[in-house]
Amino acid sequence: MGRKCAVCGKTAQYGAVVSHAHNVSKKKRHPNLHRIWAKINGKKKRILVCTKCLRSGKIEKV
């Protein structure tokens, strides 16, 4: 399973780094994920959550 936020589904983004001389190299940007214990359907479960979901209060930590 790939690294993905359990709440919003955020995954890696792909793009390119272009230098001044227009040399292009591929780049992969990963979301800032944290493994936390969260309460899901009344049960304690360890999930991967991005920091944006943690800050906005979309998940209740245990």
Protein backbone atom coordinates (compact mmCIF):
# COMPACT_ATOMS: atom_id res chain seq x y z
CA MET A 1 0.00 0.00 0.00
CA GLY A 2 1.29 3.44 -0.89
CA ARG A 3 1.69 6.25 1.62
CA LYS A 4 -1.60 8.09 1.60
CA CYS A 5 -3.62 10.13 4.09
CA ALA A 6 -6.44 8.03 5.56
CA VAL A 7 -8.74 11.08 5.85
CA CYS A 8 -8.38 13.13 2.66
CA GLY A 9 -6.53 10.64 0.42
CA LYS A 10 -3.59 12.94 -0.28
CA THR A 11 -0.72 11.12 -2.07
CA ALA A 12 2.58 12.03 -3.71
CA GLN A 13 2.63 14.69 -6.44
CA TYR A 14 4.84 14.43 -9.51
CA GLY A 15 6.46 17.27 -11.39
CA ALA A 16 9.69 18.54 -12.87
CA VAL A 17 12.56 20.69 -11.67
CA VAL A 18 13.68 23.03 -14.46
CA SER A 19 17.05 24.74 -14.15
CA HIS A 20 18.05 28.09 -15.66
CA ALA A 21 19.66 26.19 -18.56
CA HIS A 22 16.34 24.33 -18.96
CA ASN A 23 17.73 21.00 -17.78
CA VAL A 24 14.68 19.04 -16.68
CA SER A 25 14.73 16.37 -13.97
CA LYS A 26 11.78 14.57 -12.45
CA LYS A 27 10.69 15.34 -8.89
CA LYS A 28 8.36 13.55 -6.49
CA ARG A 29 6.89 15.50 -3.56
CA HIS A 30 5.53 13.55 -0.60
CA PRO A 31 2.81 14.79 1.79
CA ASN A 32 3.75 15.35 5.43
CA LEU A 33 2.21 12.23 6.99
CA HIS A 34 2.20 11.20 10.65
CA ARG A 35 1.31 7.83 12.17
CA ILE A 36 -1.13 8.53 14.97
CA TRP A 37 -3.60 6.68 17.13
CA ALA A 38 -7.08 7.90 16.26
CA LYS A 39 -10.61 7.06 17.31
CA ILE A 40 -12.50 5.64 14.34
CA ASN A 41 -16.06 4.34 14.85
CA GLY A 42 -15.42 4.27 18.60
CA LYS A 43 -12.32 2.07 18.25
CA LYS A 44 -8.66 2.95 18.63
CA LYS A 45 -6.72 2.53 15.36
CA ARG A 46 -3.29 3.59 14.08
CA ILE A 47 -3.54 5.48 10.78
CA LEU A 48 -1.49 7.77 8.54
CA VAL A 49 -2.81 11.33 8.55
CA CYS A 50 -1.45 14.45 6.84
CA THR A 51 -0.72 17.50 8.98
CA LYS A 52 -3.43 19.54 7.27
CA CYS A 53 -6.10 17.10 8.50
CA LEU A 54 -4.56 17.07 11.99
CA ARG A 55 -4.56 20.86 12.27
CA SER A 56 -8.10 21.27 10.94
CA GLY A 57 -9.49 18.82 13.53
CA LYS A 58 -10.88 16.30 11.05
CA ILE A 59 -9.58 13.46 13.21
CA GLU A 60 -9.86 12.82 16.95
CA LYS A 61 -6.59 11.66 18.49
CA VAL A 62 -6.61 9.08 21.29
